[in-house]
Amino acid sequence: MLDRSQEIRVIDLFAGPGGLGEGFASFKNGNYDPFKIVLSIEKDPIAFKTLQLRSFFRQFKKGDVPDEYYQYLRGEIKGSTLFKRYPAEYKRAKQATWLLELGSSNASPKKVNERINAALDGSNNWVLIGGPPCQAFSLIGRVKIKSDSEKKQKDFDKDHRHFLYREYLKIIATHKPSVFVMENVPGILSSKVNGTNTFERILSDLKNPDKAISVLNGYPTQNNKESLTYNIYSLVRPSENANELQPADYIIKSESYGIPQARHRVILLGIRSDIQTRPGQLAQSSLPISMWEAISGLAKIRSKLSKEPDSNDLWKSVLHSIPQYKWFDDSKLEEPLKEMLKKACINDETPNNTGAEFIPGAVQVKFRPEWFGDRRIKGQCNHSSRSHIRGDLQRYFFASCFAEVYGRSPKIGDFPKELLPKHANVQKAIEESLFSDRFRVQVRYKPSTTITSHISKDGHYYIHPDVQQCRSLTVREAARLQTFPDNYLFEGPRTEQYHQVGNAVPPLLANQIAKVVYRLFTKYQKE
């Protein structure tokens, strides 16, 4: 089935900025790169720009990436200049990426099939990867809907994102990949649409895609290939019989596999039924990786003041004046916390830099330097701070101090009443214990909480643990927690950068999945 001279082609659907594909493309067996991303499809123009830039980067062997790439990362030249200097590599990057919304009127079956066939170029050994957009399956989204109107519940049932997996399914049925890897949120396990359990339906469809497509009746399969079924395996739970697995067996807890983030996702490994080889599982790491270990080495920066002029002196004065506020004398503050707050207020070691899209200077990488580090960058990208109002700076300050003392993030009820926003939903959160971690600081010596696209909206769930920086996480810090290499540039405005990072699969986790898939191919060849 596979020898060293052959490459395993990979097609990535709903690719986002390319986290899943990055893991496969960067997998090595010795000096051999067995996986080649031949086509990545993404609908968002800004995420697509990130995706295509990374595809361009991969056209060069490690060590041969041109200086101009790093000049672009540093903002010294434009992207058009970079691509004009390397037209052959840019052409290949364009061939390997496609800006397209699957399921839209622009994505006709004929056009999609032709592009996939061209990318596969007759290859029988290939892998389909991707995660259909998952926001509709999110447990948080569904909690909000349940507390909302009946109309929103009906809109939820009609949400087209529930059914985007069918686009994934159609491609499986038509092109019969040897293996597929499909990622989604745990909420998919309990989600129901029109009263039907979503996960059971998806699993049934993926096991027999030809039958599922015939029921859907609207997307013809290729008749020159025999009808095949798929066995759906877990990457963390061994099983002699894939049908014996329970839904929860498909959940991967990333923090157990060397990822500095408590990210739990459903990942399905589908193997075509003519391949009788059973897969191995991911190897658990011995100790969890803390978020602090992952982000250490990045420049210390402060936040900025919003809704008023910003300066170093004015920003520092906000922190120094904290003991003057009424909440500081709240009786619920225990002495160790109060001492921590006082000590932090008078500390003058606050940084003056607010960051930028590129910050020059040496960067020390403590965690997996061979994966994250690249000295040719000569600095760090996507590392600029947000602006925060004075009230939020005080809340961030309190939360960071609280975590240092108690080793956990404070709940809403832990905050002094005078420090809380005067929003009606804050009072509701206190009364109903709903979203009680509205202000959530990342605890220094633990894996971070899940990085999601919500980070693009505000930083309240992603407060930096260093009280002297008093801010939310930057895009680069979030990217570190998501295990993107430092030379992976996120394009677009900062809000869009956050969105891309939050929606991605951690590349380092994907790299471990690629190892399981590669061993499956080689094991089958030996048999």
Protein backbone atom coordinates (compact mmCIF):
# COMPACT_ATOMS: atom_id res chain seq x y z
CA MET A 1 0.00 0.00 0.00
CA LEU A 2 2.82 2.41 0.78
CA ASP A 3 6.56 2.63 0.40
CA ARG A 4 9.07 5.36 1.16
CA SER A 5 8.99 6.74 -2.38
CA GLN A 6 5.23 7.35 -2.18
CA GLU A 7 3.55 10.34 -0.64
CA ILE A 8 0.23 10.23 1.14
CA ARG A 9 -1.96 12.96 -0.28
CA VAL A 10 -4.16 14.94 2.07
CA ILE A 11 -7.26 17.00 1.34
CA ASP A 12 -8.38 19.42 4.05
CA LEU A 13 -12.01 20.62 4.16
CA PHE A 14 -13.26 23.54 6.25
CA ALA A 15 -9.55 24.20 6.74
CA GLY A 16 -9.69 27.53 8.60
CA PRO A 17 -6.13 28.84 9.02
CA GLY A 18 -4.81 25.30 8.57
CA GLY A 19 -4.13 23.83 12.03
CA LEU A 20 -5.10 20.26 11.18
CA GLY A 21 -3.23 20.37 7.89
CA GLU A 22 -0.16 21.86 9.57
CA GLY A 23 0.03 18.86 11.87
CA PHE A 24 -0.03 16.41 8.97
CA ALA A 25 2.31 18.41 6.74
CA SER A 26 4.92 18.76 9.50
CA PHE A 27 4.91 15.06 10.46
CA LYS A 28 8.23 13.39 9.72
CA ASN A 29 9.37 9.78 9.68
CA GLY A 30 13.09 10.37 10.04
CA ASN A 31 13.93 12.80 7.24
CA TYR A 32 10.94 11.69 5.19
CA ASP A 33 7.79 13.82 4.88
CA PRO A 34 5.08 11.26 4.07
CA PHE A 35 2.07 13.61 3.96
CA LYS A 36 1.44 16.25 1.31
CA ILE A 37 -1.44 18.71 1.57
CA VAL A 38 -2.65 18.81 -2.04
CA LEU A 39 -5.84 20.79 -1.48
CA SER A 40 -7.22 22.89 1.39
CA ILE A 41 -10.69 24.40 1.09
CA GLU A 42 -11.80 27.37 3.20
CA LYS A 43 -14.64 29.88 2.78
CA ASP A 44 -13.44 32.83 4.88
CA PRO A 45 -11.26 35.19 2.80
CA ILE A 46 -9.04 36.26 5.69
CA ALA A 47 -8.48 32.77 7.09
CA PHE A 48 -7.84 31.71 3.49
CA LYS A 49 -5.08 34.31 3.20
CA THR A 50 -3.40 32.78 6.27
CA LEU A 51 -3.90 29.30 4.83
CA GLN A 52 -2.40 30.19 1.46
CA LEU A 53 0.60 31.93 3.01
CA ARG A 54 1.36 28.79 5.01
CA SER A 55 0.99 26.67 1.88
CA PHE A 56 3.54 28.96 0.21
CA PHE A 57 5.87 28.47 3.20
CA ARG A 58 5.62 24.69 2.77
CA GLN A 59 6.76 24.82 -0.84
CA PHE A 60 10.29 25.24 0.51
CA LYS A 61 12.30 22.63 2.39
CA LYS A 62 13.16 23.41 5.99
CA GLY A 63 16.14 25.73 5.99
CA ASP A 64 15.46 26.88 2.42
CA VAL A 65 12.61 29.27 3.21
CA PRO A 66 13.67 32.58 1.63
CA ASP A 67 14.63 35.64 3.64
CA GLU A 68 11.78 37.49 1.98
CA TYR A 69 9.26 35.34 3.87
CA TYR A 70 10.67 36.60 7.16
CA GLN A 71 10.81 40.14 5.80
CA TYR A 72 7.08 39.83 5.16
CA LEU A 73 6.52 38.55 8.71
CA ARG A 74 8.34 41.62 10.00
CA GLY A 75 6.26 43.95 7.81
CA GLU A 76 9.26 45.00 5.73
CA ILE A 77 7.80 43.98 2.36
CA LYS A 78 4.31 43.37 0.97
CA GLY A 79 2.88 39.95 0.24
CA SER A 80 2.69 40.78 -3.46
CA THR A 81 6.44 41.42 -3.48
CA LEU A 82 7.12 38.10 -1.78
CA PHE A 83 4.99 36.11 -4.21
CA LYS A 84 6.38 37.87 -7.30
CA ARG A 85 9.90 36.87 -6.33
CA TYR A 86 8.92 33.20 -6.07
CA PRO A 87 6.27 32.69 -8.78
CA ALA A 88 6.66 28.89 -9.08
CA GLU A 89 6.15 28.33 -5.36
CA TYR A 90 3.25 30.77 -5.28
CA LYS A 91 1.61 28.99 -8.20
CA ARG A 92 1.82 25.67 -6.34
CA ALA A 93 0.40 27.30 -3.21
CA LYS A 94 -2.55 28.63 -5.22
CA GLN A 95 -3.16 25.18 -6.70
CA ALA A 96 -3.18 23.66 -3.20
CA THR A 97 -5.67 26.14 -1.70
CA TRP A 98 -9.21 27.01 -2.72
CA LEU A 99 -11.42 29.85 -1.47
CA LEU A 100 -14.82 28.18 -1.58
CA GLU A 101 -17.88 27.74 0.62
CA LEU A 102 -18.85 24.09 0.43
CA GLY A 103 -22.60 23.68 0.16
CA SER A 104 -23.06 27.06 -1.52
CA SER A 105 -24.36 27.68 -5.03
CA ASN A 106 -20.77 28.33 -6.15
CA ALA A 107 -19.66 24.86 -5.03
CA SER A 108 -21.28 22.69 -7.68
CA PRO A 109 -20.67 18.93 -7.31
CA LYS A 110 -19.03 18.84 -10.75
CA LYS A 111 -16.60 21.64 -9.92
CA VAL A 112 -15.71 20.19 -6.51
CA ASN A 113 -15.17 16.68 -7.90
CA GLU A 114 -12.98 17.93 -10.73
CA ARG A 115 -10.75 19.92 -8.38
CA ILE A 116 -10.40 17.00 -5.97
CA ASN A 117 -9.63 14.54 -8.77
CA ALA A 118 -6.95 16.90 -10.11
CA ALA A 119 -5.40 17.21 -6.64
CA LEU A 120 -5.41 13.45 -6.05
CA ASP A 121 -3.97 12.77 -9.52
CA GLY A 122 -5.00 9.11 -9.44
CA SER A 123 -3.65 8.42 -5.94
CA ASN A 124 -5.31 5.57 -4.05
CA ASN A 125 -3.53 6.29 -0.75
CA TRP A 126 -4.95 9.48 0.61
CA VAL A 127 -6.48 11.05 3.69
CA LEU A 128 -9.44 13.39 4.07
CA ILE A 129 -9.28 15.70 7.08
CA GLY A 130 -11.39 18.55 8.40
CA GLY A 131 -13.95 19.75 10.88
CA PRO A 132 -17.31 21.02 9.63
CA PRO A 133 -18.12 24.34 11.38
CA CYS A 134 -19.14 23.47 14.91
CA GLN A 135 -20.68 26.59 16.43
CA ALA A 136 -24.19 25.19 16.13
CA PHE A 137 -23.18 22.14 18.19
CA SER A 138 -21.50 24.16 20.94
CA LEU A 139 -22.85 23.44 24.41
CA ILE A 140 -22.45 27.10 25.34
CA GLY A 141 -24.44 28.18 22.32
CA ARG A 142 -27.18 25.71 23.17
CA VAL A 143 -27.35 26.84 26.81
CA LYS A 144 -27.94 30.38 25.60
CA ILE A 145 -30.62 29.21 23.18
CA LYS A 146 -32.43 27.20 25.85
CA SER A 147 -32.69 30.31 27.99
CA ASP A 148 -33.94 32.30 25.01
CA SER A 149 -37.08 32.41 22.93
CA GLU A 150 -38.93 29.59 21.18
CA LYS A 151 -38.19 31.30 17.86
CA LYS A 152 -34.45 31.03 18.47
CA GLN A 153 -34.87 27.32 19.23
CA LYS A 154 -36.57 26.87 15.85
CA ASP A 155 -33.83 28.89 14.16
CA PHE A 156 -31.29 26.61 15.87
CA ASP A 157 -32.99 23.54 14.37
CA LYS A 158 -32.82 25.14 10.92
CA ASP A 159 -29.18 26.30 11.24
CA HIS A 160 -27.40 25.11 8.09
CA ARG A 161 -24.20 24.49 10.06
CA HIS A 162 -25.80 21.34 11.50
CA PHE A 163 -25.75 19.85 8.03
CA LEU A 164 -22.37 20.96 6.69
CA TYR A 165 -20.99 17.56 7.68
CA ARG A 166 -23.01 16.29 4.70
CA GLU A 167 -20.60 18.14 2.39
CA TYR A 168 -17.83 16.18 4.07
CA LEU A 169 -19.93 13.03 3.68
CA LYS A 170 -20.53 13.61 -0.02
CA ILE A 171 -16.81 13.80 -0.69
CA ILE A 172 -16.22 10.57 1.25
CA ALA A 173 -18.96 8.81 -0.74
CA THR A 174 -17.69 10.07 -4.06
CA HIS A 175 -13.91 9.80 -3.67
CA LYS A 176 -13.50 6.97 -1.12
CA PRO A 177 -10.48 8.13 0.93
CA SER A 178 -8.44 5.38 2.58
CA VAL A 179 -8.76 7.23 5.89
CA PHE A 180 -10.61 10.28 7.13
CA VAL A 181 -10.20 12.39 10.26
CA MET A 182 -13.18 14.49 11.33
CA GLU A 183 -13.10 16.93 14.26
CA ASN A 184 -15.94 18.58 16.16
CA VAL A 185 -16.97 19.90 19.57
CA PRO A 186 -18.19 17.59 22.38
CA GLY A 187 -21.60 19.25 22.14
CA ILE A 188 -22.20 17.19 19.02
CA LEU A 189 -22.61 14.10 21.24
CA SER A 190 -25.74 15.45 22.90
CA SER A 191 -27.05 17.77 20.20
CA LYS A 192 -30.48 17.10 18.72
CA VAL A 193 -32.03 18.53 15.58
CA ASN A 194 -35.79 18.21 15.24
CA GLY A 195 -35.69 15.68 18.09
CA THR A 196 -33.11 13.40 16.43
CA ASN A 197 -29.73 12.72 18.08
CA THR A 198 -27.19 14.40 15.82
CA PHE A 199 -24.16 12.25 16.64
CA GLU A 200 -25.92 8.92 16.11
CA ARG A 201 -27.07 10.14 12.71
CA ILE A 202 -23.62 11.40 11.73
CA LEU A 203 -21.94 8.19 12.85
CA SER A 204 -24.43 6.07 10.90
CA ASP A 205 -23.95 8.19 7.79
CA LEU A 206 -20.16 8.08 7.99
CA LYS A 207 -20.15 4.31 8.38
CA ASN A 208 -22.16 3.89 5.19
CA PRO A 209 -21.78 7.07 3.13
CA ASP A 210 -23.17 5.57 -0.11
CA LYS A 211 -26.40 4.62 1.62
CA ALA A 212 -26.62 8.02 3.32
CA ILE A 213 -26.13 9.87 0.05
CA SER A 214 -28.74 7.77 -1.72
CA VAL A 215 -31.18 8.81 1.00
CA LEU A 216 -30.22 12.45 0.59
CA ASN A 217 -30.74 11.92 -3.17
CA GLY A 218 -29.06 14.85 -4.74
CA TYR A 219 -25.35 14.25 -5.08
CA PRO A 220 -24.37 11.44 -7.50
CA THR A 221 -21.56 9.11 -6.51
CA GLN A 222 -19.03 7.82 -9.00
CA ASN A 223 -20.22 4.49 -10.38
CA ASN A 224 -16.81 3.14 -11.24
CA LYS A 225 -15.94 2.48 -7.61
CA GLU A 226 -17.52 -0.26 -5.56
CA SER A 227 -19.63 0.68 -2.60
CA LEU A 228 -17.55 0.60 0.57
CA THR A 229 -18.32 1.19 4.21
CA TYR A 230 -16.14 2.66 6.95
CA ASN A 231 -15.17 1.61 10.46
CA ILE A 232 -15.07 4.57 12.84
CA TYR A 233 -12.37 4.30 15.51
CA SER A 234 -11.34 6.29 18.56
CA LEU A 235 -7.85 7.76 18.73
CA VAL A 236 -7.70 7.30 22.50
CA ARG A 237 -9.68 4.13 23.24
CA PRO A 238 -8.51 0.79 21.76
CA SER A 239 -11.23 -1.51 20.50
CA GLU A 240 -11.32 -4.87 18.73
CA ASN A 241 -14.65 -3.86 17.25
CA ALA A 242 -15.30 -0.24 16.28
CA ASN A 243 -19.04 -0.79 16.80
CA GLU A 244 -18.47 -1.39 20.53
CA LEU A 245 -17.29 2.18 21.15
CA GLN A 246 -19.43 4.60 23.14
CA PRO A 247 -19.88 8.24 22.04
CA ALA A 248 -17.67 9.57 24.85
CA ASP A 249 -14.82 7.30 23.66
CA TYR A 250 -14.25 9.68 20.76
CA ILE A 251 -13.44 12.66 22.98
CA ILE A 252 -9.78 13.67 23.03
CA LYS A 253 -8.67 15.67 26.07
CA SER A 254 -5.77 17.61 24.62
CA GLU A 255 -4.08 18.32 27.96
CA SER A 256 -3.45 14.56 28.30
CA TYR A 257 -1.44 14.58 25.06
CA GLY A 258 1.12 17.31 25.60
CA ILE A 259 -1.04 20.29 24.61
CA PRO A 260 -0.91 23.24 27.07
CA GLN A 261 -4.67 23.65 26.92
CA ALA A 262 -7.69 21.82 28.35
CA ARG A 263 -9.30 21.48 24.94
CA HIS A 264 -11.79 18.62 24.60
CA ARG A 265 -12.86 17.67 21.10
CA VAL A 266 -14.58 14.78 19.35
CA ILE A 267 -12.25 13.36 16.69
CA LEU A 268 -13.34 10.45 14.52
CA LEU A 269 -10.89 8.23 12.65
CA GLY A 270 -12.63 6.54 9.73
CA ILE A 271 -10.95 3.63 7.95
CA ARG A 272 -12.25 2.19 4.69
CA SER A 273 -13.68 -1.30 5.19
CA ASP A 274 -11.31 -2.99 2.71
CA ILE A 275 -8.47 -2.01 5.06
CA GLN A 276 -8.69 -4.55 7.85
CA THR A 277 -5.89 -3.03 9.93
CA ARG A 278 -6.87 -1.53 13.28
CA PRO A 279 -5.24 1.77 14.26
CA GLY A 280 -3.11 2.52 17.27
CA GLN A 281 -3.91 5.28 19.72
CA LEU A 282 -2.35 8.57 20.74
CA ALA A 283 0.38 8.24 23.37
CA GLN A 284 -0.50 10.04 26.60
CA SER A 285 2.04 12.50 28.01
CA SER A 286 3.41 11.87 31.48
CA LEU A 287 2.72 15.35 32.87
CA PRO A 288 0.42 18.18 31.78
CA ILE A 289 2.06 21.22 30.19
CA SER A 290 1.26 24.52 31.89
CA MET A 291 0.13 27.53 29.92
CA TRP A 292 2.97 29.51 31.48
CA GLU A 293 5.56 27.11 30.11
CA ALA A 294 4.04 27.52 26.66
CA ILE A 295 3.89 31.33 26.54
CA SER A 296 7.10 32.06 28.45
CA GLY A 297 9.72 33.90 26.44
CA LEU A 298 7.32 36.21 24.66
CA ALA A 299 7.79 39.92 25.30
CA LYS A 300 6.14 41.36 28.39
CA ILE A 301 3.67 44.02 27.32
CA ARG A 302 0.99 46.08 29.03
CA SER A 303 -2.57 46.68 27.91
CA LYS A 304 -3.83 50.05 26.73
CA LEU A 305 -6.51 52.32 28.13
CA SER A 306 -9.69 52.60 26.09
CA LYS A 307 -12.18 55.49 25.96
CA GLU A 308 -9.48 57.90 27.15
CA PRO A 309 -5.92 58.92 26.22
CA ASP A 310 -3.33 56.23 26.86
CA SER A 311 0.18 56.66 28.22
CA ASN A 312 2.56 54.63 30.36
CA ASP A 313 2.17 56.98 33.32
CA LEU A 314 -1.62 57.13 33.11
CA TRP A 315 -1.91 53.35 32.75
CA LYS A 316 0.36 52.77 35.76
CA SER A 317 -1.62 55.28 37.80
CA VAL A 318 -4.73 53.13 37.36
CA LEU A 319 -2.95 50.20 39.02
CA HIS A 320 -1.29 52.30 41.72
CA SER A 321 -4.60 53.90 42.71
CA ILE A 322 -6.44 50.60 43.25
CA PRO A 323 -6.23 50.77 47.11
CA GLN A 324 -8.26 53.99 46.94
CA TYR A 325 -11.33 52.26 45.51
CA LYS A 326 -14.18 51.19 47.79
CA TRP A 327 -14.02 47.54 46.70
CA PHE A 328 -10.49 47.23 48.07
CA ASP A 329 -11.89 47.36 51.64
CA ASP A 330 -14.51 44.67 51.03
CA SER A 331 -14.81 42.45 54.10
CA LYS A 332 -14.80 39.27 51.99
CA LEU A 333 -11.15 39.84 50.98
CA GLU A 334 -9.03 37.47 53.06
CA GLU A 335 -5.68 38.69 54.33
CA PRO A 336 -3.41 36.71 51.93
CA LEU A 337 -5.30 38.12 48.95
CA LYS A 338 -5.27 41.64 50.34
CA GLU A 339 -1.52 41.45 50.89
CA MET A 340 -1.04 40.23 47.32
CA LEU A 341 -3.14 43.11 45.98
CA LYS A 342 -1.18 45.68 48.01
CA LYS A 343 2.15 44.26 46.93
CA ALA A 344 1.16 44.22 43.26
CA CYS A 345 -0.13 47.80 43.39
CA ILE A 346 3.22 49.27 44.40
CA ASN A 347 5.31 47.12 42.05
CA ASP A 348 6.97 49.37 39.46
CA GLU A 349 8.11 46.54 37.18
CA THR A 350 5.23 47.05 34.78
CA PRO A 351 6.20 46.96 31.09
CA ASN A 352 6.01 50.10 28.96
CA ASN A 353 5.58 48.34 25.62
CA THR A 354 2.03 47.65 24.35
CA GLY A 355 3.17 45.25 21.64
CA ALA A 356 2.73 45.33 17.87
CA GLU A 357 2.12 43.14 14.84
CA PHE A 358 5.88 42.61 14.97
CA ILE A 359 8.19 43.14 17.94
CA PRO A 360 11.92 42.84 17.18
CA GLY A 361 14.25 41.06 19.57
CA ALA A 362 15.41 37.64 20.70
CA VAL A 363 12.72 35.17 21.79
CA GLN A 364 13.38 32.32 24.20
CA VAL A 365 11.19 29.26 23.72
CA LYS A 366 11.08 26.99 26.76
CA PHE A 367 8.49 24.47 25.60
CA ARG A 368 9.30 22.41 22.49
CA PRO A 369 11.74 24.93 20.93
CA GLU A 370 12.22 22.66 17.92
CA TRP A 371 8.50 23.00 17.21
CA PHE A 372 7.81 26.64 18.11
CA GLY A 373 11.11 28.43 17.65
CA ASP A 374 12.59 30.05 14.56
CA ARG A 375 15.49 32.48 15.05
CA ARG A 376 15.13 33.81 11.52
CA ILE A 377 11.98 35.68 12.60
CA LYS A 378 14.20 37.93 14.76
CA GLY A 379 11.25 38.77 16.95
CA GLN A 380 7.61 37.85 17.41
CA CYS A 381 4.50 38.36 15.28
CA ASN A 382 0.85 38.99 16.20
CA HIS A 383 1.76 40.15 19.72
CA SER A 384 -0.15 43.37 20.35
CA SER A 385 -2.32 44.08 23.39
CA ARG A 386 -5.94 45.13 23.53
CA SER A 387 -7.34 48.27 25.11
CA HIS A 388 -9.41 47.96 28.28
CA ILE A 389 -11.52 50.39 30.29
CA ARG A 390 -10.37 51.27 33.81
CA GLY A 391 -13.02 49.08 35.42
CA ASP A 392 -11.91 46.01 33.48
CA LEU A 393 -8.25 46.70 34.32
CA GLN A 394 -9.19 46.57 38.00
CA ARG A 395 -11.11 43.31 37.47
CA TYR A 396 -8.19 41.77 35.57
CA PHE A 397 -5.82 42.93 38.31
CA PHE A 398 -8.00 41.36 40.99
CA ALA A 399 -8.44 38.11 39.04
CA SER A 400 -4.69 37.69 38.47
CA CYS A 401 -3.91 38.27 42.15
CA PHE A 402 -6.70 35.90 43.19
CA ALA A 403 -5.28 33.12 40.99
CA GLU A 404 -1.79 33.62 42.41
CA VAL A 405 -3.12 33.19 45.96
CA TYR A 406 -5.73 30.46 45.49
CA GLY A 407 -4.51 28.61 42.38
CA ARG A 408 -7.83 29.03 40.57
CA SER A 409 -9.74 31.65 38.66
CA PRO A 410 -12.32 33.58 40.71
CA LYS A 411 -16.01 33.04 40.16
CA ILE A 412 -18.39 35.98 39.99
CA GLY A 413 -19.26 35.47 43.66
CA ASP A 414 -15.58 35.84 44.65
CA PHE A 415 -15.40 39.41 43.36
CA PRO A 416 -16.12 42.32 45.69
CA LYS A 417 -19.60 43.55 44.82
CA GLU A 418 -18.36 47.08 44.14
CA LEU A 419 -15.92 45.73 41.55
CA LEU A 420 -18.51 43.98 39.40
CA PRO A 421 -20.02 45.64 36.32
CA LYS A 422 -23.50 47.06 36.82
CA HIS A 423 -24.94 44.89 34.04
CA ALA A 424 -28.22 43.10 34.64
CA ASN A 425 -26.74 39.86 33.26
CA VAL A 426 -24.00 39.96 35.89
CA GLN A 427 -26.61 39.95 38.65
CA LYS A 428 -28.40 37.12 36.83
CA ALA A 429 -25.16 35.16 36.72
CA ILE A 430 -24.78 35.54 40.48
CA GLU A 431 -28.36 34.46 41.16
CA GLU A 432 -28.49 31.54 38.71
CA SER A 433 -24.82 30.47 38.67
CA LEU A 434 -24.92 30.87 34.90
CA PHE A 435 -21.57 31.78 33.29
CA SER A 436 -20.19 32.47 36.74
CA ASP A 437 -16.67 32.71 35.33
CA ARG A 438 -17.41 35.85 33.33
CA PHE A 439 -13.91 37.09 34.18
CA ARG A 440 -11.58 34.13 33.86
CA VAL A 441 -7.86 34.36 34.43
CA GLN A 442 -5.56 31.67 33.10
CA VAL A 443 -3.87 29.91 36.00
CA ARG A 444 -0.12 30.05 35.63
CA TYR A 445 0.82 26.45 36.42
CA LYS A 446 -2.08 24.66 34.74
CA PRO A 447 -3.01 24.09 31.10
CA SER A 448 -5.10 26.97 29.79
CA THR A 449 -8.83 26.75 29.38
CA THR A 450 -10.13 26.10 25.86
CA ILE A 451 -9.13 28.73 23.33
CA THR A 452 -12.26 29.38 21.24
CA SER A 453 -13.40 31.94 18.70
CA HIS A 454 -15.03 33.84 21.60
CA ILE A 455 -11.59 35.28 22.28
CA SER A 456 -12.20 37.53 19.27
CA LYS A 457 -15.09 39.28 21.07
CA ASP A 458 -13.47 40.26 24.36
CA GLY A 459 -10.65 39.19 26.60
CA HIS A 460 -12.67 38.56 29.77
CA TYR A 461 -12.32 34.76 29.50
CA TYR A 462 -8.62 34.96 28.69
CA ILE A 463 -6.94 37.14 31.30
CA HIS A 464 -3.14 36.94 31.45
CA PRO A 465 -1.86 35.55 34.79
CA ASP A 466 0.88 38.17 35.18
CA VAL A 467 -0.71 40.96 37.20
CA GLN A 468 1.94 43.45 36.08
CA GLN A 469 0.85 43.05 32.45
CA CYS A 470 -2.85 43.38 33.43
CA ARG A 471 -4.41 42.43 30.11
CA SER A 472 -5.99 39.68 28.07
CA LEU A 473 -3.97 37.23 25.99
CA THR A 474 -2.52 38.36 22.68
CA VAL A 475 -3.03 36.51 19.40
CA ARG A 476 0.49 35.06 19.62
CA GLU A 477 -0.06 33.82 23.17
CA ALA A 478 -3.32 32.19 22.10
CA ALA A 479 -1.47 30.71 19.12
CA ARG A 480 1.21 29.30 21.45
CA LEU A 481 -1.51 27.65 23.55
CA GLN A 482 -2.99 26.28 20.33
CA THR A 483 0.57 25.07 19.45
CA PHE A 484 1.06 27.04 16.25
CA PRO A 485 4.77 27.58 15.46
CA ASP A 486 5.98 31.15 15.94
CA ASN A 487 6.64 31.52 12.19
CA TYR A 488 2.95 30.87 11.48
CA LEU A 489 1.59 34.32 10.62
CA PHE A 490 -2.10 35.10 11.08
CA GLU A 491 -3.39 37.53 8.48
CA GLY A 492 -6.04 40.22 8.75
CA PRO A 493 -7.21 42.57 11.53
CA ARG A 494 -6.53 41.43 15.09
CA THR A 495 -10.16 40.42 15.72
CA GLU A 496 -9.99 38.10 12.70
CA GLN A 497 -6.65 36.72 13.86
CA TYR A 498 -8.19 35.78 17.21
CA HIS A 499 -11.10 34.15 15.41
CA GLN A 500 -8.78 32.03 13.26
CA VAL A 501 -6.71 30.87 16.22
CA GLY A 502 -9.77 30.03 18.30
CA ASN A 503 -11.40 27.91 15.60
CA ALA A 504 -8.31 25.87 14.76
CA VAL A 505 -7.22 22.35 15.67
CA PRO A 506 -3.92 22.44 17.64
CA PRO A 507 -1.23 21.50 15.07
CA LEU A 508 0.81 19.60 17.67
CA LEU A 509 -2.19 17.39 18.40
CA ALA A 510 -2.81 16.96 14.67
CA ASN A 511 0.84 15.96 14.30
CA GLN A 512 0.27 13.11 16.76
CA ILE A 513 -2.85 12.05 14.85
CA ALA A 514 -0.77 12.05 11.66
CA LYS A 515 1.63 9.63 13.35
CA VAL A 516 -1.22 7.22 14.10
CA VAL A 517 -2.44 7.47 10.50
CA TYR A 518 1.05 6.95 9.07
CA ARG A 519 1.59 3.85 11.20
CA LEU A 520 -1.76 2.55 10.01
CA PHE A 521 -0.68 2.88 6.37
CA THR A 522 2.69 1.20 6.96
CA LYS A 523 1.17 -1.58 9.08
CA TYR A 524 -1.37 -2.35 6.37
CA GLN A 525 1.41 -2.51 3.78
CA LYS A 526 3.28 -5.11 5.83
CA GLU A 527 0.18 -7.23 6.25
